[in-house]
Amino acid sequence: MKLEIIVIGGLSAGPSAAAKARRQNENANIKMFEKCRNISYATCGIPYALSGVIKTREKLLVVEADLLRDRFNIDVHLEEEVIEILPKEHKIRTTKTSYSYDKLIFTTGAKTIVPKITNLEHALNWSPCRTLEDFDKIMKKGAIDQAEHITIMGAGLIGVEVVENLVELGKKVTLIEGGDGVLPMWTSKFRKFAQNTLEQHGVEVITNTFVKEVEVKEGVITSVVTPLKNIATDFLIMSVGIKPNTDLLLEKGAEHIGNGALKVNEKMETSLPDIYAAGDCASIKNTLTNEHDYLPLGTHSNKGGRAAGANAGGGNQLFKGGYKTAIIQVFENVLGRTGLSPEYLKKHQIDFKTNLIIAGATPGYFPNQKDIIIETYYEATTGKILGCEAYGEHGVDKRIDVMSTAIYGGLTIEDLCNLDLAYAPPFSPAKDPVVVAGFVSSNALNDDYDEISVEELKLALEDSSKEKYQIIDVRSPDEVLKNGKISNSINLPLDAIRKLSLSRFDKEKETVVYCAKGMRGYLAFLQLKAKGFKKLKNLSGGYTIWNKVS
């Protein structure tokens, strides 16, 4: 008898699973069920379709149902919702009839969380922004053509992308976030970089607050009510988070994590026999923590769906998991991240060091050079790379992908010094910023060199007497006059250090040196150390980072 494979869900993981199952097993009967009328569309492209960067709705459609039917011999059932799964009987029930299966692949995705907001049920001019149906509603309700002001709830990846694209259309935008900063996947410093960029482009950003009520007149939201202020608005877009669509299997006892995402192994098998899961309804292993984690990104959906399809079709393919690599464009700037965060490392008492550099993404002699900020987290004893974040206008994607690969390969911070990276002036300096990160961190590991982060210094100055530290600014007097300085710091230009006795300084006292970005601070550190200073630290990222997070 032919193998009967059923796929539930037709967005990303589902079509990948169905197509791979067919490539694995030419003789299987494969059915795919989707409760809506569209399959395999680019949810990540929806914000860019709002602004017209993606020109038409049709461009969002990645795979048509007929392609799966004709090329892969998949029996695609559109607008036929699965309403019950019977694992013991190996059957499903839909809104139309019932079907038997030998293997079931569950790829139902997730839905937007809509918090309880007074009067929202009486309003028409609001929508999530996650599905093609949401996109159609936003366009139909006139948000793009008619609204002058739009409020976005939720400052995650989708929320920030929507903000950017609406501003590019000329809309006035307010972004409301319940947490203490935008883009919570990043650390507070990098969140601040992103928020600064948003505000520089005219976005009103409100954090640490929630929408409790909307004022509605004749079915139309006229203002959004928060504890801080009322915001007059013409349209509300909801992007506060997602919840996995897993009730059909949770009620049958499937193992899951706290948010309801199904636990799967490396073969994408759930705890229920002959049932696989992939995509935003599944939790996969974080390969760095070895714990189940929720990583709802298209990359994992496609890879997980592919593995589930192969295994359901009789193959043996593993998907080991991920470790939170992500990237987002915020107007002219880009934020990227990969691996473990310092918050996680501190919480789990992992001894680590941090290195932050500011370097040119391209050579200084090449036109329109832009800086890139890279912060790396690595084991204090071995130098093994644990995580990385980056911010800048040029080349962030390249550096984050290099660091992600380094983490997967188990490389140390010193290994970065020996990477043979592509070099030409339009793309990189001769010393790539990733290599520079390796050089600087190697100094901290192998030499008597120490750094202090902006966050550590701020905390120290707040929690103790400012007399504890002597802070030396080694920039030129003109730089100090033009750009400002850290309070109570003493200006001692780098090029003067060798010539002076420095008798006015206490060489036994804790001393922090800083420059604009960090390099001159390092040189000053070495010279002051040679002159007998005992407790020296260089400020990572210098005054540039200090000023950005103030």
Protein backbone atom coordinates (compact mmCIF):
# COMPACT_ATOMS: atom_id res chain seq x y z
CA MET A 1 0.00 0.00 0.00
CA LYS A 2 1.10 3.56 -0.67
CA LEU A 3 2.30 5.72 2.21
CA GLU A 4 -0.35 8.28 3.17
CA ILE A 5 1.17 11.62 4.19
CA ILE A 6 -0.93 14.58 5.35
CA VAL A 7 0.44 18.09 5.77
CA ILE A 8 -1.61 20.60 7.78
CA GLY A 9 -0.75 24.22 7.00
CA GLY A 10 0.34 25.78 3.73
CA LEU A 11 2.40 28.84 4.52
CA SER A 12 6.14 28.20 4.73
CA ALA A 13 7.05 24.94 6.44
CA GLY A 14 4.08 23.09 4.94
CA PRO A 15 4.91 23.48 1.23
CA SER A 16 8.59 22.81 2.00
CA ALA A 17 7.60 19.62 3.80
CA ALA A 18 5.20 18.49 1.07
CA ALA A 19 7.69 19.10 -1.75
CA LYS A 20 10.52 17.36 0.10
CA ALA A 21 8.26 14.41 0.97
CA ARG A 22 7.55 14.03 -2.74
CA ARG A 23 11.23 14.21 -3.65
CA GLN A 24 11.89 11.61 -0.98
CA ASN A 25 9.06 9.28 -1.95
CA GLU A 26 7.66 9.37 -5.48
CA ASN A 27 4.97 6.81 -4.68
CA ALA A 28 3.42 8.34 -1.56
CA ASN A 29 -0.03 9.92 -1.52
CA ILE A 30 0.50 13.43 -0.19
CA LYS A 31 -2.31 15.77 0.84
CA MET A 32 -1.89 19.33 2.10
CA PHE A 33 -4.64 21.27 3.88
CA GLU A 34 -4.81 25.06 4.23
CA LYS A 35 -7.77 26.80 5.85
CA CYS A 36 -7.24 30.00 3.83
CA ARG A 37 -7.25 30.51 0.06
CA ASN A 38 -3.52 31.33 -0.27
CA ILE A 39 -0.43 29.23 0.35
CA SER A 40 3.31 29.88 0.51
CA TYR A 41 3.42 33.67 0.63
CA ALA A 42 6.18 35.88 2.03
CA THR A 43 4.98 37.13 5.41
CA CYS A 44 8.33 38.87 5.91
CA GLY A 45 7.66 40.87 2.75
CA ILE A 46 4.33 42.31 3.87
CA PRO A 47 5.77 45.48 5.51
CA TYR A 48 7.63 46.21 2.26
CA ALA A 49 4.49 45.64 0.20
CA LEU A 50 2.69 48.29 2.27
CA SER A 51 5.16 50.92 1.09
CA GLY A 52 5.42 49.68 -2.47
CA VAL A 53 9.02 48.50 -2.21
CA ILE A 54 7.46 45.20 -3.22
CA LYS A 55 5.36 46.47 -6.09
CA THR A 56 2.33 44.20 -6.10
CA ARG A 57 0.46 41.76 -3.91
CA GLU A 58 1.22 39.01 -6.40
CA LYS A 59 4.95 39.39 -5.73
CA LEU A 60 4.32 38.09 -2.20
CA LEU A 61 3.06 34.76 -3.55
CA VAL A 62 6.05 32.44 -3.56
CA VAL A 63 4.42 29.21 -4.75
CA GLU A 64 0.99 28.73 -6.31
CA ALA A 65 -1.14 25.76 -5.32
CA ASP A 66 -1.22 24.59 -8.93
CA LEU A 67 2.56 24.29 -8.97
CA LEU A 68 2.43 21.87 -6.06
CA ARG A 69 -0.35 19.97 -7.77
CA ASP A 70 1.21 19.80 -11.22
CA ARG A 71 4.94 19.52 -10.54
CA PHE A 72 4.93 17.63 -7.26
CA ASN A 73 1.63 15.73 -7.45
CA ILE A 74 0.45 17.16 -4.12
CA ASP A 75 -3.29 17.00 -3.46
CA VAL A 76 -3.77 20.58 -2.21
CA HIS A 77 -6.99 21.37 -0.29
CA LEU A 78 -7.57 25.11 0.05
CA GLU A 79 -10.16 26.64 2.40
CA GLU A 80 -10.58 23.29 4.12
CA GLU A 81 -9.77 23.64 7.79
CA VAL A 82 -8.64 20.69 9.92
CA ILE A 83 -10.77 20.73 13.04
CA GLU A 84 -9.58 17.60 14.85
CA ILE A 85 -6.63 15.22 14.87
CA LEU A 86 -7.08 11.66 16.13
CA PRO A 87 -3.55 10.33 16.79
CA LYS A 88 -4.61 6.88 17.93
CA GLU A 89 -6.76 6.32 14.87
CA HIS A 90 -4.28 8.11 12.56
CA LYS A 91 -7.08 10.26 11.20
CA ILE A 92 -7.98 13.92 10.80
CA ARG A 93 -11.35 15.59 10.53
CA THR A 94 -11.86 18.69 8.41
CA THR A 95 -14.78 21.01 7.83
CA LYS A 96 -15.75 18.71 4.96
CA THR A 97 -14.90 15.10 5.81
CA SER A 98 -12.23 12.85 7.40
CA TYR A 99 -8.96 11.39 6.10
CA SER A 100 -6.53 8.70 7.23
CA TYR A 101 -2.77 9.10 7.39
CA ASP A 102 0.36 7.09 8.04
CA LYS A 103 2.46 10.20 8.69
CA LEU A 104 1.21 13.65 9.67
CA ILE A 105 3.19 16.90 9.34
CA PHE A 106 1.82 19.73 11.49
CA THR A 107 2.77 23.19 10.18
CA THR A 108 -0.01 25.45 11.39
CA GLY A 109 2.18 28.45 12.23
CA ALA A 110 1.16 31.08 14.77
CA LYS A 111 -1.35 33.88 15.18
CA THR A 112 -0.97 37.46 16.32
CA ILE A 113 -1.70 38.07 19.98
CA VAL A 114 -4.44 40.66 20.41
CA PRO A 115 -4.44 41.97 23.99
CA LYS A 116 -7.61 42.95 25.76
CA ILE A 117 -8.24 46.58 24.85
CA THR A 118 -11.43 48.35 25.83
CA ASN A 119 -13.63 49.26 22.81
CA LEU A 120 -11.43 47.48 20.27
CA GLU A 121 -14.27 45.13 19.37
CA HIS A 122 -16.30 48.14 18.17
CA ALA A 123 -13.61 49.41 15.80
CA LEU A 124 -12.92 48.63 12.15
CA ASN A 125 -9.75 50.63 11.45
CA TRP A 126 -7.20 48.27 12.99
CA SER A 127 -5.46 45.08 11.96
CA PRO A 128 -2.57 42.76 12.71
CA CYS A 129 0.14 42.66 10.02
CA ARG A 130 1.19 39.04 9.71
CA THR A 131 -0.91 37.31 7.06
CA LEU A 132 -1.94 38.06 3.52
CA GLU A 133 -5.47 38.51 4.83
CA ASP A 134 -4.13 41.16 7.22
CA PHE A 135 -2.42 42.90 4.30
CA ASP A 136 -5.68 42.89 2.33
CA LYS A 137 -7.55 44.35 5.29
CA ILE A 138 -5.02 47.14 5.80
CA MET A 139 -5.19 48.06 2.13
CA LYS A 140 -8.98 47.80 1.99
CA LYS A 141 -9.53 49.90 5.10
CA GLY A 142 -7.58 52.78 3.63
CA ALA A 143 -4.62 52.83 5.99
CA ILE A 144 -2.22 53.44 3.15
CA ASP A 145 -4.28 55.80 0.99
CA GLN A 146 -6.18 57.80 3.61
CA ALA A 147 -4.58 57.64 7.06
CA GLU A 148 -2.23 60.45 8.02
CA HIS A 149 -1.23 59.06 11.40
CA ILE A 150 -0.78 55.35 12.19
CA THR A 151 -0.06 53.79 15.57
CA ILE A 152 1.93 50.56 15.81
CA MET A 153 1.68 48.40 18.91
CA GLY A 154 4.76 46.26 19.41
CA ALA A 155 8.39 47.02 18.54
CA GLY A 156 9.60 43.60 17.47
CA LEU A 157 10.97 42.78 14.04
CA ILE A 158 7.70 43.13 12.14
CA GLY A 159 6.56 46.19 14.09
CA VAL A 160 9.77 48.11 13.37
CA GLU A 161 9.75 47.08 9.70
CA VAL A 162 6.17 48.32 9.38
CA VAL A 163 7.14 51.62 11.03
CA GLU A 164 9.99 52.20 8.61
CA ASN A 165 7.90 51.48 5.54
CA LEU A 166 5.02 53.69 6.69
CA VAL A 167 7.39 56.59 7.35
CA GLU A 168 8.84 56.12 3.88
CA LEU A 169 5.28 56.61 2.61
CA GLY A 170 5.08 59.93 4.43
CA LYS A 171 2.93 58.78 7.35
CA LYS A 172 3.26 60.11 10.86
CA VAL A 173 3.89 57.12 13.11
CA THR A 174 3.77 56.40 16.82
CA LEU A 175 5.38 53.16 18.04
CA ILE A 176 4.27 51.80 21.40
CA GLU A 177 6.25 49.09 23.19
CA GLY A 178 5.50 47.48 26.55
CA GLY A 179 9.15 46.71 27.26
CA ASP A 180 11.99 49.09 27.97
CA GLY A 181 13.14 49.42 24.38
CA VAL A 182 12.53 48.50 20.77
CA LEU A 183 13.72 45.20 19.27
CA PRO A 184 13.94 43.15 22.49
CA MET A 185 16.14 40.47 20.86
CA TRP A 186 19.05 42.89 21.17
CA THR A 187 20.80 44.22 24.26
CA SER A 188 19.83 47.59 25.72
CA LYS A 189 22.72 49.42 24.04
CA PHE A 190 21.80 48.23 20.55
CA ARG A 191 18.10 48.80 21.24
CA LYS A 192 19.03 52.39 22.04
CA PHE A 193 20.91 52.70 18.73
CA ALA A 194 17.78 51.57 16.88
CA GLN A 195 15.47 53.85 18.86
CA ASN A 196 17.72 56.82 18.16
CA THR A 197 17.50 56.07 14.44
CA LEU A 198 13.71 55.80 14.55
CA GLU A 199 13.38 59.09 16.41
CA GLN A 200 15.78 60.83 14.03
CA HIS A 201 13.32 59.91 11.27
CA GLY A 202 10.39 61.47 13.11
CA VAL A 203 8.93 58.38 14.76
CA GLU A 204 7.39 58.92 18.17
CA VAL A 205 8.61 56.00 20.30
CA ILE A 206 6.85 55.29 23.59
CA THR A 207 8.25 52.46 25.76
CA ASN A 208 7.31 50.88 29.08
CA THR A 209 3.63 51.35 28.44
CA PHE A 210 0.59 49.47 27.17
CA VAL A 211 -2.57 50.41 25.33
CA LYS A 212 -5.54 49.81 27.63
CA GLU A 213 -8.29 51.48 25.62
CA VAL A 214 -9.15 53.00 22.27
CA GLU A 215 -11.64 55.80 21.78
CA VAL A 216 -14.10 54.88 19.02
CA LYS A 217 -16.64 57.02 17.18
CA GLU A 218 -19.01 55.39 14.69
CA GLY A 219 -16.81 52.33 14.37
CA VAL A 220 -13.59 54.30 13.88
CA ILE A 221 -10.68 54.55 16.33
CA THR A 222 -9.96 58.23 16.91
CA SER A 223 -7.33 57.90 19.61
CA VAL A 224 -5.27 55.34 21.48
CA VAL A 225 -5.29 55.62 25.28
CA THR A 226 -2.15 54.85 27.28
CA PRO A 227 -1.27 55.62 30.92
CA LEU A 228 1.12 58.30 29.63
CA LYS A 229 -0.98 60.10 27.02
CA ASN A 230 -3.79 59.86 24.48
CA ILE A 231 -2.63 59.58 20.88
CA ALA A 232 -4.87 60.79 18.08
CA THR A 233 -4.60 58.29 15.25
CA ASP A 234 -6.28 57.15 12.03
CA PHE A 235 -5.28 53.48 12.08
CA LEU A 236 -3.92 50.94 14.56
CA ILE A 237 -1.64 48.05 13.58
CA MET A 238 -1.15 45.23 16.09
CA SER A 239 2.26 43.55 16.36
CA VAL A 240 2.69 42.70 20.03
CA GLY A 241 3.68 39.07 19.64
CA ILE A 242 2.49 35.69 18.40
CA LYS A 243 1.02 32.50 19.84
CA PRO A 244 1.64 29.11 18.21
CA ASN A 245 -1.44 27.48 16.66
CA THR A 246 -1.10 24.18 18.49
CA ASP A 247 -4.42 23.57 20.27
CA LEU A 248 -5.26 20.61 18.02
CA LEU A 249 -2.26 18.69 19.36
CA LEU A 250 -2.05 20.15 22.86
CA GLU A 251 -5.48 18.73 23.61
CA LYS A 252 -4.10 15.33 22.60
CA GLY A 253 -1.23 15.57 25.08
CA ALA A 254 1.65 16.71 22.85
CA GLU A 255 4.71 17.95 24.73
CA HIS A 256 5.31 21.68 24.46
CA ILE A 257 7.14 24.66 25.95
CA GLY A 258 5.54 27.48 27.94
CA ASN A 259 4.02 29.38 25.03
CA GLY A 260 2.44 26.25 23.54
CA ALA A 261 5.02 25.60 20.83
CA LEU A 262 5.44 21.87 20.24
CA LYS A 263 8.64 20.16 21.29
CA VAL A 264 10.31 18.32 18.41
CA ASN A 265 13.53 16.33 18.13
CA GLU A 266 16.14 16.66 15.39
CA LYS A 267 13.95 14.61 13.07
CA MET A 268 11.10 17.09 13.74
CA GLU A 269 9.08 14.38 15.49
CA THR A 270 6.63 15.44 18.20
CA SER A 271 5.91 13.33 21.26
CA LEU A 272 2.89 11.86 19.45
CA PRO A 273 3.54 8.83 17.19
CA ASP A 274 3.97 9.51 13.46
CA ILE A 275 3.35 13.26 13.88
CA TYR A 276 5.99 15.79 12.87
CA ALA A 277 5.89 19.55 13.38
CA ALA A 278 7.78 22.48 11.86
CA GLY A 279 7.57 26.25 11.51
CA ASP A 280 6.19 28.77 13.97
CA CYS A 281 4.11 26.13 15.77
CA ALA A 282 7.24 24.22 16.83
CA SER A 283 10.04 24.85 19.32
CA ILE A 284 13.44 23.65 18.18
CA LYS A 285 16.69 23.13 20.05
CA ASN A 286 18.90 26.10 20.72
CA THR A 287 22.17 24.47 19.78
CA LEU A 288 24.14 26.65 22.22
CA THR A 289 21.97 26.02 25.30
CA ASN A 290 20.72 22.55 24.31
CA GLU A 291 17.26 23.66 25.45
CA HIS A 292 14.08 23.95 23.45
CA ASP A 293 13.67 27.51 22.26
CA TYR A 294 11.14 29.46 20.22
CA LEU A 295 12.78 30.84 17.08
CA PRO A 296 9.96 31.84 14.71
CA LEU A 297 11.90 32.81 11.60
CA GLY A 298 11.46 31.81 7.97
CA THR A 299 14.91 30.22 7.84
CA HIS A 300 13.96 27.68 10.50
CA SER A 301 10.50 27.13 9.03
CA ASN A 302 11.93 26.11 5.69
CA LYS A 303 14.71 23.93 7.08
CA GLY A 304 12.42 22.30 9.63
CA GLY A 305 9.73 21.67 7.04
CA ARG A 306 12.27 20.13 4.68
CA ALA A 307 13.52 17.74 7.37
CA ALA A 308 9.99 16.79 8.45
CA GLY A 309 9.00 16.06 4.84
CA ALA A 310 12.07 13.94 4.22
CA ASN A 311 11.55 11.87 7.34
CA ALA A 312 7.81 11.46 6.82
CA GLY A 313 8.62 10.17 3.33
CA GLY A 314 10.97 7.51 4.69
CA GLY A 315 14.25 9.42 4.80
CA ASN A 316 16.62 10.22 7.62
CA GLN A 317 17.37 13.94 7.78
CA LEU A 318 18.26 16.00 10.86
CA PHE A 319 17.65 19.65 11.64
CA LYS A 320 19.80 20.40 14.67
CA GLY A 321 18.25 23.78 15.51
CA GLY A 322 19.39 27.39 15.68
CA TYR A 323 20.86 30.03 17.96
CA LYS A 324 18.94 33.27 17.40
CA THR A 325 20.67 34.81 14.43
CA ALA A 326 18.64 37.80 13.23
CA ILE A 327 18.94 40.99 11.24
CA ILE A 328 16.79 44.02 10.56
CA GLN A 329 17.07 47.23 8.60
CA VAL A 330 16.06 50.41 10.41
CA PHE A 331 16.12 53.13 7.76
CA GLU A 332 19.77 53.61 6.75
CA ASN A 333 21.07 51.45 9.60
CA VAL A 334 21.12 47.71 10.13
CA LEU A 335 21.12 45.69 13.36
CA GLY A 336 22.31 42.10 13.45
CA ARG A 337 22.81 39.53 16.20
CA THR A 338 23.72 35.90 16.72
CA GLY A 339 24.28 33.52 19.61
CA LEU A 340 23.91 34.07 23.33
CA SER A 341 23.21 37.45 24.91
CA PRO A 342 25.05 38.88 27.91
CA GLU A 343 21.76 38.71 29.84
CA TYR A 344 21.61 34.94 29.30
CA LEU A 345 25.28 34.51 30.17
CA LYS A 346 24.90 36.47 33.41
CA LYS A 347 21.72 34.64 34.38
CA HIS A 348 23.40 31.26 33.93
CA GLN A 349 26.62 32.41 35.63
CA ILE A 350 28.78 31.79 32.58
CA ASP A 351 32.13 33.56 32.92
CA PHE A 352 32.50 35.69 29.80
CA LYS A 353 34.22 38.76 28.45
CA THR A 354 32.91 41.47 26.17
CA ASN A 355 34.68 43.27 23.38
CA LEU A 356 33.26 46.27 21.51
CA ILE A 357 34.95 47.86 18.54
CA ILE A 358 34.12 50.68 16.17
CA ALA A 359 35.79 50.21 12.81
CA GLY A 360 35.39 51.35 9.26
CA ALA A 361 33.25 48.94 7.27
CA THR A 362 35.32 50.02 4.26
CA PRO A 363 38.74 51.71 4.03
CA GLY A 364 39.07 55.35 5.06
CA TYR A 365 40.36 56.30 1.61
CA PHE A 366 37.29 54.82 -0.12
CA PRO A 367 34.33 57.16 -0.74
CA ASN A 368 31.49 57.37 1.78
CA GLN A 369 33.10 55.30 4.51
CA LYS A 370 30.77 54.24 7.31
CA ASP A 371 31.59 52.86 10.73
CA ILE A 372 30.35 49.55 12.02
CA ILE A 373 29.94 48.74 15.73
CA ILE A 374 30.59 45.10 16.68
CA GLU A 375 30.25 43.71 20.19
CA THR A 376 31.40 40.15 20.82
CA TYR A 377 30.82 37.92 23.86
CA TYR A 378 33.27 35.09 24.50
CA GLU A 379 34.32 32.66 27.24
CA ALA A 380 36.73 34.32 29.65
CA THR A 381 39.12 31.36 29.88
CA THR A 382 39.01 29.69 26.45
CA GLY A 383 38.04 32.63 24.22
CA LYS A 384 35.29 30.55 22.59
CA ILE A 385 32.84 32.89 20.83
CA LEU A 386 29.37 32.83 22.39
CA GLY A 387 27.50 35.71 20.78
CA CYS A 388 27.76 38.90 18.75
CA GLU A 389 25.80 42.04 17.89
CA ALA A 390 26.49 44.61 15.19
CA TYR A 391 25.14 47.96 14.02
CA GLY A 392 25.93 50.18 11.07
CA GLU A 393 25.02 51.28 7.57
CA HIS A 394 27.25 48.95 5.60
CA GLY A 395 28.30 45.32 5.87
CA VAL A 396 26.46 44.27 9.01
CA ASP A 397 24.99 41.22 7.26
CA LYS A 398 28.40 39.96 6.19
CA ARG A 399 29.95 40.31 9.65
CA ILE A 400 27.03 38.71 11.49
CA ASP A 401 27.04 35.76 9.11
CA VAL A 402 30.79 35.33 9.63
CA MET A 403 30.30 35.41 13.41
CA SER A 404 27.35 33.01 13.20
CA THR A 405 29.51 30.58 11.23
CA ALA A 406 32.33 31.02 13.75
CA ILE A 407 29.95 30.15 16.60
CA TYR A 408 28.67 27.06 14.75
CA GLY A 409 32.26 25.95 14.17
CA GLY A 410 33.25 26.47 17.81
CA LEU A 411 35.92 29.05 16.95
CA THR A 412 37.66 31.18 19.53
CA ILE A 413 38.13 34.91 19.50
CA GLU A 414 41.77 34.35 18.49
CA ASP A 415 40.68 32.30 15.48
CA LEU A 416 39.12 35.48 14.08
CA CYS A 417 42.60 36.91 13.61
CA ASN A 418 43.40 34.14 11.13
CA LEU A 419 40.25 34.19 9.01
CA ASP A 420 40.90 34.66 5.31
CA LEU A 421 38.04 37.04 4.49
CA ALA A 422 37.31 38.57 1.10
CA TYR A 423 38.93 41.96 0.65
CA ALA A 424 38.50 44.76 -1.86
CA PRO A 425 37.99 48.47 -1.07
CA PRO A 426 34.23 48.57 -1.87
CA PHE A 427 33.60 45.78 0.65
CA SER A 428 36.11 45.87 3.47
CA PRO A 429 39.32 47.36 4.82
CA ALA A 430 42.43 45.21 4.61
CA LYS A 431 41.84 44.47 8.29
CA ASP A 432 38.19 43.47 8.33
CA PRO A 433 36.22 44.57 11.43
CA VAL A 434 35.73 40.91 12.38
CA VAL A 435 39.50 40.41 12.31
CA VAL A 436 39.98 43.62 14.30
CA ALA A 437 37.55 42.26 16.92
CA GLY A 438 39.82 39.23 17.14
CA PHE A 439 42.95 41.36 17.52
CA VAL A 440 41.48 43.51 20.30
CA SER A 441 40.02 40.57 22.21
CA SER A 442 43.27 38.63 21.89
CA ASN A 443 45.01 41.56 23.56
CA ALA A 444 42.61 41.28 26.48
CA LEU A 445 43.10 37.51 26.71
CA ASN A 446 46.85 37.31 26.34
CA ASP A 447 48.27 40.65 27.44
CA ASP A 448 47.92 42.73 30.56
CA TYR A 449 45.18 44.80 28.96
CA ASP A 450 41.70 45.47 30.28
CA GLU A 451 38.57 47.27 29.07
CA ILE A 452 35.47 48.63 30.70
CA SER A 453 32.11 48.94 28.96
CA VAL A 454 30.06 52.10 28.88
CA GLU A 455 27.38 50.35 30.96
CA GLU A 456 29.90 49.29 33.61
CA LEU A 457 31.39 52.77 33.89
CA LYS A 458 28.00 54.48 34.09
CA LEU A 459 26.93 52.09 36.84
CA ALA A 460 30.16 52.60 38.73
CA LEU A 461 29.84 56.38 38.58
CA GLU A 462 26.23 56.21 39.74
CA ASP A 463 26.74 53.73 42.60
CA SER A 464 29.92 55.09 44.12
CA SER A 465 31.80 58.30 44.59
CA LYS A 466 33.07 59.76 41.35
CA GLU A 467 36.37 60.19 43.18
CA LYS A 468 36.90 56.42 42.92
CA TYR A 469 38.01 56.81 39.31
CA GLN A 470 40.27 59.22 37.52
CA ILE A 471 39.03 59.45 33.95
CA ILE A 472 41.43 60.57 31.25
CA ASP A 473 40.21 61.84 27.88
CA VAL A 474 43.01 61.36 25.32
CA ARG A 475 41.32 63.15 22.42
CA SER A 476 42.50 66.49 21.10
CA PRO A 477 41.23 69.66 22.86
CA ASP A 478 39.32 70.60 19.69
CA GLU A 479 37.43 67.26 19.76
CA VAL A 480 36.52 67.76 23.40
CA LEU A 481 35.29 71.30 22.74
CA LYS A 482 33.27 70.24 19.70
CA ASN A 483 31.74 66.96 20.93
CA GLY A 484 31.65 67.19 24.72
CA LYS A 485 33.19 64.91 27.31
CA ILE A 486 32.47 62.61 30.23
CA SER A 487 31.84 64.58 33.39
CA ASN A 488 34.93 65.07 35.60
CA SER A 489 37.28 63.66 32.98
CA ILE A 490 40.69 65.24 32.46
CA ASN A 491 41.87 65.98 28.95
CA LEU A 492 45.35 64.58 28.26
CA PRO A 493 45.92 64.33 24.49
CA LEU A 494 47.50 61.06 23.42
CA ASP A 495 50.49 62.66 21.74
CA ALA A 496 51.41 64.49 24.96
CA ILE A 497 51.57 61.45 27.25
CA ARG A 498 55.17 60.47 26.48
CA LYS A 499 56.42 64.02 27.02
CA LEU A 500 54.91 64.63 30.50
CA SER A 501 55.80 63.38 33.96
CA LEU A 502 52.09 63.01 34.85
CA SER A 503 52.87 63.78 38.48
CA ARG A 504 49.41 65.27 38.99
CA PHE A 505 47.87 61.82 38.53
CA ASP A 506 47.65 59.08 41.15
CA LYS A 507 49.21 56.03 39.52
CA GLU A 508 47.70 53.72 42.18
CA LYS A 509 44.16 54.88 41.57
CA GLU A 510 41.67 53.15 39.26
CA THR A 511 42.02 54.92 35.93
CA VAL A 512 39.81 54.85 32.83
CA VAL A 513 41.13 56.20 29.55
CA TYR A 514 38.96 56.95 26.55
CA CYS A 515 39.11 58.46 23.08
CA ALA A 516 36.52 58.78 20.31
CA LYS A 517 36.23 55.09 19.37
CA GLY A 518 38.79 53.09 21.31
CA MET A 519 42.04 52.80 19.36
CA ARG A 520 43.76 55.87 20.81
CA GLY A 521 42.52 54.78 24.23
CA TYR A 522 44.35 51.49 23.73
CA LEU A 523 47.57 53.30 22.79
CA ALA A 524 47.18 55.57 25.81
CA PHE A 525 46.63 52.48 27.99
CA LEU A 526 49.97 51.04 26.87
CA GLN A 527 51.85 54.29 27.44
CA LEU A 528 50.31 54.90 30.87
CA LYS A 529 51.01 51.34 31.87
CA ALA A 530 54.66 51.83 30.90
CA LYS A 531 54.70 54.97 33.10
CA GLY A 532 53.62 52.97 36.15
CA PHE A 533 49.81 53.22 36.26
CA LYS A 534 48.59 50.10 38.08
CA LYS A 535 44.81 49.92 37.61
CA LEU A 536 44.05 50.86 34.02
CA LYS A 537 41.04 50.26 31.81
CA ASN A 538 40.18 51.47 28.32
CA LEU A 539 36.56 52.47 27.63
CA SER A 540 35.13 50.19 24.91
CA GLY A 541 33.87 52.23 22.00
CA GLY A 542 35.06 55.44 23.62
CA TYR A 543 33.03 58.62 23.73
CA THR A 544 31.08 57.62 20.62
CA ILE A 545 29.29 54.81 22.45
CA TRP A 546 29.06 56.81 25.67
CA ASN A 547 27.26 59.57 23.79
CA LYS A 548 24.97 57.21 21.88
CA VAL A 549 23.57 55.50 24.97
CA SER A 550 23.36 58.59 27.19
